[in-house]
Amino acid sequence: MLNYLIEKNIIFEYEGYDINKQMINYCKNKFFNFNFYLNNSPINYCDVSIMSGTYNYAVTDNIESWESYVIHNLSECLKKSRLGIAFNLQFEKKRNIRNNIYYTNVQYMFSLLKRYFIKIEKYYTYASSKDIYFLIYKN
């Protein structure tokens, strides 16, 4: 995504976050004009937090535990986001974790998000037909 913003000459401020130190080091070397932090949510306030593929790689086989982790981190990101957050998940008919990849059931995840957040939207795109995109608005 950062490559896209740079290529389009869009004026923006960007901070990157990851829980993987190797990923942070890679990004710091590739994009030396931007700040990257080892953390699971924004340190500084921002307009929008965007998580692309962040919650696809599950570090557990326990679906409920992973979904709780996702909800917790979305809540933390939303606290630091003025407008809202956007993220994607892979989906199948039945939610599961296979080869450390988390697949949600779209209706289940939408219902789960509605329990914790007020305004949620979901989107599909042909460009990535196995992904579902969610927007969670601050107000």
N, C-alpha and C. Protein backbone atom coordinates (compact mmCIF):
# COMPACT_ATOMS: atom_id res chain seq x y z
N MET A 1 0.82 -1.17 0.00
CA MET A 1 0.00 0.00 0.00
C MET A 1 0.87 1.25 0.00
N LEU A 2 1.95 1.24 0.77
CA LEU A 2 2.83 2.40 0.81
C LEU A 2 3.42 2.66 -0.57
N ASN A 3 3.80 1.60 -1.27
CA ASN A 3 4.30 1.77 -2.65
C ASN A 3 3.27 2.48 -3.51
N TYR A 4 2.02 2.08 -3.40
CA TYR A 4 0.94 2.68 -4.20
C TYR A 4 0.82 4.17 -3.91
N LEU A 5 0.81 4.55 -2.65
CA LEU A 5 0.68 5.96 -2.28
C LEU A 5 1.85 6.78 -2.81
N ILE A 6 3.03 6.21 -2.73
CA ILE A 6 4.22 6.90 -3.24
C ILE A 6 4.14 7.05 -4.75
N GLU A 7 3.80 5.97 -5.46
CA GLU A 7 3.71 6.00 -6.93
C GLU A 7 2.69 7.01 -7.43
N LYS A 8 1.59 7.17 -6.71
CA LYS A 8 0.52 8.09 -7.12
C LYS A 8 0.78 9.53 -6.69
N ASN A 9 1.91 9.78 -6.05
CA ASN A 9 2.26 11.13 -5.57
C ASN A 9 1.17 11.73 -4.69
N ILE A 10 0.57 10.90 -3.88
CA ILE A 10 -0.47 11.35 -2.96
C ILE A 10 0.21 11.98 -1.74
N ILE A 11 -0.31 13.09 -1.29
CA ILE A 11 0.23 13.73 -0.09
C ILE A 11 -0.39 13.04 1.12
N PHE A 12 0.45 12.51 1.99
CA PHE A 12 -0.04 11.76 3.13
C PHE A 12 1.03 11.68 4.21
N GLU A 13 0.60 11.35 5.40
CA GLU A 13 1.52 10.99 6.48
C GLU A 13 1.31 9.51 6.75
N TYR A 14 2.38 8.80 7.03
CA TYR A 14 2.29 7.36 7.18
C TYR A 14 3.18 6.90 8.32
N GLU A 15 2.67 6.01 9.12
CA GLU A 15 3.45 5.29 10.11
C GLU A 15 3.10 3.82 9.98
N GLY A 16 4.10 2.97 10.04
CA GLY A 16 3.86 1.54 9.93
C GLY A 16 4.11 0.84 11.26
N TYR A 17 3.31 -0.18 11.52
CA TYR A 17 3.41 -0.95 12.76
C TYR A 17 3.39 -2.43 12.44
N ASP A 18 4.16 -3.18 13.19
CA ASP A 18 4.14 -4.63 13.05
C ASP A 18 4.66 -5.23 14.35
N ILE A 19 4.30 -6.48 14.60
CA ILE A 19 4.79 -7.17 15.78
C ILE A 19 6.04 -8.00 15.45
N ASN A 20 6.43 -8.00 14.19
CA ASN A 20 7.58 -8.76 13.73
C ASN A 20 8.76 -7.80 13.51
N LYS A 21 9.80 -7.95 14.33
CA LYS A 21 10.96 -7.06 14.26
C LYS A 21 11.65 -7.12 12.89
N GLN A 22 11.71 -8.30 12.29
CA GLN A 22 12.33 -8.43 10.96
C GLN A 22 11.55 -7.63 9.92
N MET A 23 10.23 -7.63 10.01
CA MET A 23 9.41 -6.87 9.08
C MET A 23 9.64 -5.37 9.27
N ILE A 24 9.73 -4.93 10.50
CA ILE A 24 10.00 -3.52 10.79
C ILE A 24 11.35 -3.12 10.21
N ASN A 25 12.38 -3.93 10.43
CA ASN A 25 13.71 -3.62 9.89
C ASN A 25 13.70 -3.57 8.37
N TYR A 26 13.00 -4.50 7.74
CA TYR A 26 12.89 -4.50 6.28
C TYR A 26 12.26 -3.20 5.80
N CYS A 27 11.16 -2.81 6.43
CA CYS A 27 10.45 -1.59 6.02
C CYS A 27 11.29 -0.34 6.26
N LYS A 28 12.01 -0.30 7.37
CA LYS A 28 12.87 0.85 7.66
C LYS A 28 13.96 1.00 6.60
N ASN A 29 14.49 -0.12 6.12
CA ASN A 29 15.52 -0.08 5.08
C ASN A 29 14.95 0.29 3.72
N LYS A 30 13.76 -0.19 3.42
CA LYS A 30 13.15 0.07 2.11
C LYS A 30 12.54 1.47 2.03
N PHE A 31 11.92 1.91 3.10
CA PHE A 31 11.22 3.20 3.13
C PHE A 31 11.83 4.06 4.24
N PHE A 32 13.03 4.54 4.02
CA PHE A 32 13.76 5.23 5.09
C PHE A 32 13.19 6.60 5.45
N ASN A 33 12.29 7.14 4.65
CA ASN A 33 11.68 8.45 4.95
C ASN A 33 10.43 8.34 5.83
N PHE A 34 10.08 7.12 6.22
CA PHE A 34 8.86 6.90 7.01
C PHE A 34 9.21 6.23 8.34
N ASN A 35 8.33 6.39 9.30
CA ASN A 35 8.54 5.80 10.62
C ASN A 35 7.84 4.46 10.73
N PHE A 36 8.54 3.51 11.31
CA PHE A 36 7.99 2.17 11.56
C PHE A 36 8.26 1.80 13.01
N TYR A 37 7.26 1.17 13.63
CA TYR A 37 7.33 0.86 15.05
C TYR A 37 6.98 -0.60 15.30
N LEU A 38 7.66 -1.17 16.28
CA LEU A 38 7.36 -2.52 16.73
C LEU A 38 6.23 -2.42 17.75
N ASN A 39 5.01 -2.63 17.29
CA ASN A 39 3.83 -2.52 18.15
C ASN A 39 2.64 -3.12 17.41
N ASN A 40 1.58 -3.48 18.14
CA ASN A 40 0.40 -4.06 17.49
C ASN A 40 -0.71 -3.06 17.24
N SER A 41 -0.50 -1.78 17.60
CA SER A 41 -1.49 -0.74 17.31
C SER A 41 -0.77 0.60 17.26
N PRO A 42 -1.42 1.61 16.71
CA PRO A 42 -0.76 2.92 16.58
C PRO A 42 -0.35 3.50 17.94
N ILE A 43 0.80 4.11 17.93
CA ILE A 43 1.29 4.83 19.11
C ILE A 43 0.74 6.26 19.08
N ASN A 44 0.76 6.83 17.88
CA ASN A 44 0.30 8.21 17.68
C ASN A 44 -1.10 8.21 17.09
N TYR A 45 -1.82 9.30 17.31
CA TYR A 45 -3.15 9.44 16.71
C TYR A 45 -3.03 9.58 15.20
N CYS A 46 -4.02 9.05 14.50
CA CYS A 46 -4.04 9.11 13.05
C CYS A 46 -5.49 9.29 12.60
N ASP A 47 -5.68 9.61 11.34
CA ASP A 47 -7.04 9.70 10.81
C ASP A 47 -7.65 8.32 10.65
N VAL A 48 -6.90 7.42 10.00
CA VAL A 48 -7.41 6.08 9.68
C VAL A 48 -6.29 5.06 9.91
N SER A 49 -6.65 3.94 10.50
CA SER A 49 -5.73 2.80 10.60
C SER A 49 -6.16 1.78 9.57
N ILE A 50 -5.19 1.32 8.78
CA ILE A 50 -5.48 0.33 7.74
C ILE A 50 -4.61 -0.89 8.01
N MET A 51 -5.26 -2.03 8.16
CA MET A 51 -4.56 -3.28 8.36
C MET A 51 -4.82 -4.16 7.14
N SER A 52 -3.77 -4.42 6.39
CA SER A 52 -3.90 -5.21 5.17
C SER A 52 -3.26 -6.58 5.38
N GLY A 53 -4.08 -7.59 5.53
CA GLY A 53 -3.58 -8.94 5.74
C GLY A 53 -3.10 -9.23 7.14
N THR A 54 -3.21 -8.26 8.01
CA THR A 54 -2.66 -8.36 9.36
C THR A 54 -3.21 -9.55 10.14
N TYR A 55 -4.49 -9.82 10.00
CA TYR A 55 -5.12 -10.85 10.83
C TYR A 55 -5.35 -12.15 10.07
N ASN A 56 -4.72 -12.30 8.92
CA ASN A 56 -4.83 -13.55 8.17
C ASN A 56 -3.93 -14.64 8.74
N TYR A 57 -2.75 -14.26 9.19
CA TYR A 57 -1.80 -15.24 9.72
C TYR A 57 -2.07 -15.44 11.21
N ALA A 58 -2.64 -16.58 11.54
CA ALA A 58 -3.01 -16.89 12.93
C ALA A 58 -1.86 -17.64 13.61
N VAL A 59 -1.57 -17.26 14.83
CA VAL A 59 -0.50 -17.91 15.58
C VAL A 59 -1.04 -18.98 16.53
N THR A 60 -2.30 -19.34 16.34
CA THR A 60 -2.94 -20.38 17.15
C THR A 60 -3.92 -21.16 16.27
N ASP A 61 -4.29 -22.33 16.72
CA ASP A 61 -5.33 -23.10 16.03
C ASP A 61 -6.70 -22.88 16.66
N ASN A 62 -6.75 -22.12 17.74
CA ASN A 62 -7.98 -21.87 18.47
C ASN A 62 -8.71 -20.67 17.85
N ILE A 63 -9.80 -20.93 17.15
CA ILE A 63 -10.52 -19.88 16.42
C ILE A 63 -11.04 -18.80 17.36
N GLU A 64 -11.66 -19.20 18.45
CA GLU A 64 -12.23 -18.22 19.39
C GLU A 64 -11.14 -17.33 19.98
N SER A 65 -10.02 -17.92 20.31
CA SER A 65 -8.90 -17.16 20.85
C SER A 65 -8.38 -16.16 19.80
N TRP A 66 -8.25 -16.60 18.56
CA TRP A 66 -7.78 -15.71 17.50
C TRP A 66 -8.77 -14.58 17.25
N GLU A 67 -10.04 -14.89 17.23
CA GLU A 67 -11.04 -13.84 17.01
C GLU A 67 -11.05 -12.83 18.16
N SER A 68 -10.84 -13.29 19.37
CA SER A 68 -10.73 -12.37 20.52
C SER A 68 -9.52 -11.46 20.36
N TYR A 69 -8.43 -12.03 19.90
CA TYR A 69 -7.21 -11.25 19.64
C TYR A 69 -7.49 -10.18 18.58
N VAL A 70 -8.17 -10.56 17.51
CA VAL A 70 -8.50 -9.62 16.44
C VAL A 70 -9.37 -8.48 16.98
N ILE A 71 -10.43 -8.81 17.70
CA ILE A 71 -11.33 -7.79 18.25
C ILE A 71 -10.57 -6.86 19.19
N HIS A 72 -9.75 -7.41 20.05
CA HIS A 72 -8.96 -6.60 20.98
C HIS A 72 -8.08 -5.61 20.22
N ASN A 73 -7.37 -6.09 19.21
CA ASN A 73 -6.47 -5.21 18.46
C ASN A 73 -7.22 -4.19 17.63
N LEU A 74 -8.36 -4.56 17.08
CA LEU A 74 -9.18 -3.58 16.36
C LEU A 74 -9.62 -2.47 17.31
N SER A 75 -10.00 -2.84 18.52
CA SER A 75 -10.41 -1.85 19.53
C SER A 75 -9.27 -0.91 19.87
N GLU A 76 -8.07 -1.45 20.00
CA GLU A 76 -6.90 -0.63 20.31
C GLU A 76 -6.58 0.32 19.15
N CYS A 77 -6.69 -0.16 17.93
CA CYS A 77 -6.45 0.69 16.76
C CYS A 77 -7.49 1.80 16.67
N LEU A 78 -8.73 1.45 16.94
CA LEU A 78 -9.81 2.44 16.85
C LEU A 78 -9.62 3.56 17.87
N LYS A 79 -9.07 3.24 19.03
CA LYS A 79 -8.82 4.27 20.05
C LYS A 79 -7.90 5.37 19.53
N LYS A 80 -6.96 5.03 18.65
CA LYS A 80 -5.98 5.99 18.15
C LYS A 80 -6.34 6.54 16.77
N SER A 81 -7.49 6.16 16.24
CA SER A 81 -7.91 6.57 14.90
C SER A 81 -9.07 7.56 15.00
N ARG A 82 -8.89 8.73 14.43
CA ARG A 82 -9.92 9.77 14.53
C ARG A 82 -11.19 9.41 13.75
N LEU A 83 -11.04 8.82 12.57
CA LEU A 83 -12.19 8.54 11.71
C LEU A 83 -12.63 7.09 11.75
N GLY A 84 -11.69 6.17 11.79
CA GLY A 84 -12.05 4.77 11.80
C GLY A 84 -10.91 3.88 11.36
N ILE A 85 -11.24 2.63 11.09
CA ILE A 85 -10.25 1.65 10.69
C ILE A 85 -10.77 0.83 9.52
N ALA A 86 -9.85 0.27 8.76
CA ALA A 86 -10.19 -0.62 7.65
C ALA A 86 -9.28 -1.84 7.74
N PHE A 87 -9.85 -3.01 7.47
CA PHE A 87 -9.04 -4.22 7.48
C PHE A 87 -9.69 -5.27 6.60
N ASN A 88 -8.92 -6.27 6.25
CA ASN A 88 -9.45 -7.36 5.44
C ASN A 88 -9.17 -8.71 6.09
N LEU A 89 -9.98 -9.66 5.72
CA LEU A 89 -9.81 -11.05 6.15
C LEU A 89 -10.10 -11.95 4.96
N GLN A 90 -9.51 -13.13 4.96
CA GLN A 90 -9.89 -14.13 3.98
C GLN A 90 -11.15 -14.81 4.50
N PHE A 91 -11.96 -15.32 3.57
CA PHE A 91 -13.20 -15.94 4.03
C PHE A 91 -13.51 -17.22 3.29
N GLU A 92 -14.28 -18.06 3.96
CA GLU A 92 -14.84 -19.29 3.41
C GLU A 92 -16.22 -19.46 4.03
N LYS A 93 -16.94 -20.49 3.62
CA LYS A 93 -18.28 -20.72 4.18
C LYS A 93 -18.21 -21.01 5.67
N LYS A 94 -17.20 -21.77 6.07
CA LYS A 94 -17.05 -22.14 7.48
C LYS A 94 -15.76 -21.53 8.01
N ARG A 95 -15.84 -20.86 9.17
CA ARG A 95 -14.64 -20.28 9.74
C ARG A 95 -13.69 -21.37 10.21
N ASN A 96 -12.42 -21.18 9.92
CA ASN A 96 -11.42 -22.15 10.30
C ASN A 96 -10.03 -21.54 10.24
N ILE A 97 -9.09 -22.26 10.82
CA ILE A 97 -7.68 -21.91 10.70
C ILE A 97 -7.00 -23.12 10.07
N ARG A 98 -6.40 -22.89 8.91
CA ARG A 98 -5.75 -23.97 8.16
C ARG A 98 -4.37 -23.49 7.73
N ASN A 99 -3.34 -24.26 8.08
CA ASN A 99 -1.96 -23.87 7.77
C ASN A 99 -1.64 -22.47 8.29
N ASN A 100 -2.12 -22.18 9.48
CA ASN A 100 -1.94 -20.89 10.16
C ASN A 100 -2.64 -19.73 9.47
N ILE A 101 -3.52 -20.00 8.53
CA ILE A 101 -4.29 -18.93 7.88
C ILE A 101 -5.71 -18.97 8.43
N TYR A 102 -6.15 -17.80 8.90
CA TYR A 102 -7.49 -17.67 9.46
C TYR A 102 -8.47 -17.32 8.34
N TYR A 103 -9.54 -18.08 8.25
CA TYR A 103 -10.63 -17.83 7.31
C TYR A 103 -11.89 -17.56 8.13
N THR A 104 -12.50 -16.43 7.90
CA THR A 104 -13.71 -16.11 8.63
C THR A 104 -14.93 -16.51 7.81
N ASN A 105 -16.05 -16.58 8.47
CA ASN A 105 -17.34 -16.63 7.80
C ASN A 105 -17.84 -15.20 7.83
N VAL A 106 -18.20 -14.65 6.69
CA VAL A 106 -18.50 -13.23 6.58
C VAL A 106 -19.63 -12.82 7.52
N GLN A 107 -20.74 -13.54 7.51
CA GLN A 107 -21.87 -13.16 8.36
C GLN A 107 -21.52 -13.26 9.84
N TYR A 108 -20.78 -14.30 10.19
CA TYR A 108 -20.37 -14.45 11.59
C TYR A 108 -19.51 -13.26 12.02
N MET A 109 -18.51 -12.91 11.21
CA MET A 109 -17.62 -11.81 11.57
C MET A 109 -18.37 -10.48 11.62
N PHE A 110 -19.28 -10.28 10.68
CA PHE A 110 -20.06 -9.04 10.68
C PHE A 110 -20.88 -8.94 11.98
N SER A 111 -21.49 -10.04 12.39
CA SER A 111 -22.26 -10.06 13.65
C SER A 111 -21.35 -9.84 14.85
N LEU A 112 -20.18 -10.45 14.84
CA LEU A 112 -19.23 -10.27 15.93
C LEU A 112 -18.79 -8.81 16.03
N LEU A 113 -18.48 -8.21 14.92
CA LEU A 113 -18.06 -6.80 14.91
C LEU A 113 -19.17 -5.90 15.43
N LYS A 114 -20.43 -6.22 15.07
CA LYS A 114 -21.56 -5.39 15.52
C LYS A 114 -21.75 -5.45 17.04
N ARG A 115 -21.26 -6.51 17.67
CA ARG A 115 -21.34 -6.59 19.13
C ARG A 115 -20.39 -5.60 19.81
N TYR A 116 -19.33 -5.23 19.12
CA TYR A 116 -18.29 -4.40 19.74
C TYR A 116 -18.20 -2.98 19.18
N PHE A 117 -18.69 -2.79 17.97
CA PHE A 117 -18.54 -1.50 17.30
C PHE A 117 -19.89 -1.03 16.78
N ILE A 118 -20.03 0.28 16.59
CA ILE A 118 -21.32 0.86 16.25
C ILE A 118 -21.62 0.82 14.76
N LYS A 119 -20.73 1.38 13.95
CA LYS A 119 -21.00 1.49 12.51
C LYS A 119 -19.96 0.70 11.73
N ILE A 120 -20.42 -0.34 11.06
CA ILE A 120 -19.55 -1.23 10.30
C ILE A 120 -20.09 -1.39 8.89
N GLU A 121 -19.20 -1.42 7.93
CA GLU A 121 -19.57 -1.73 6.55
C GLU A 121 -18.66 -2.84 6.05
N LYS A 122 -19.13 -3.60 5.08
CA LYS A 122 -18.32 -4.66 4.48
C LYS A 122 -18.33 -4.51 2.97
N TYR A 123 -17.23 -4.89 2.35
CA TYR A 123 -17.08 -4.75 0.90
C TYR A 123 -16.36 -5.95 0.32
N TYR A 124 -16.73 -6.28 -0.89
CA TYR A 124 -16.04 -7.29 -1.68
C TYR A 124 -15.46 -6.60 -2.91
N THR A 125 -14.45 -7.21 -3.49
CA THR A 125 -13.92 -6.71 -4.76
C THR A 125 -13.45 -7.90 -5.60
N TYR A 126 -13.63 -7.77 -6.91
CA TYR A 126 -13.18 -8.83 -7.81
C TYR A 126 -11.66 -8.93 -7.82
N ALA A 127 -10.98 -7.84 -7.49
CA ALA A 127 -9.51 -7.84 -7.51
C ALA A 127 -8.93 -8.81 -6.48
N SER A 128 -9.64 -9.03 -5.40
CA SER A 128 -9.20 -10.00 -4.39
C SER A 128 -10.44 -10.75 -3.90
N SER A 129 -10.86 -11.68 -4.71
CA SER A 129 -12.16 -12.34 -4.52
C SER A 129 -12.25 -13.22 -3.28
N LYS A 130 -11.14 -13.53 -2.64
CA LYS A 130 -11.17 -14.36 -1.43
C LYS A 130 -11.09 -13.52 -0.16
N ASP A 131 -11.12 -12.20 -0.33
CA ASP A 131 -11.05 -11.30 0.82
C ASP A 131 -12.36 -10.56 1.02
N ILE A 132 -12.64 -10.28 2.29
CA ILE A 132 -13.74 -9.40 2.67
C ILE A 132 -13.09 -8.20 3.38
N TYR A 133 -13.58 -7.02 3.06
CA TYR A 133 -13.05 -5.78 3.64
C TYR A 133 -14.08 -5.19 4.58
N PHE A 134 -13.62 -4.78 5.74
CA PHE A 134 -14.49 -4.16 6.73
C PHE A 134 -14.02 -2.75 7.02
N LEU A 135 -14.97 -1.84 7.15
CA LEU A 135 -14.72 -0.49 7.63
C LEU A 135 -15.45 -0.35 8.95
N ILE A 136 -14.75 0.16 9.94
CA ILE A 136 -15.35 0.44 11.24
C ILE A 136 -15.17 1.93 11.48
N TYR A 137 -16.28 2.64 11.60
CA TYR A 137 -16.24 4.08 11.78
C TYR A 137 -16.19 4.43 13.26
N LYS A 138 -15.52 5.52 13.56
CA LYS A 138 -15.38 5.97 14.95
C LYS A 138 -16.73 6.40 15.51
N ASN A 139 -17.48 7.19 14.77
CA ASN A 139 -18.79 7.67 15.24
C ASN A 139 -19.86 7.37 14.21
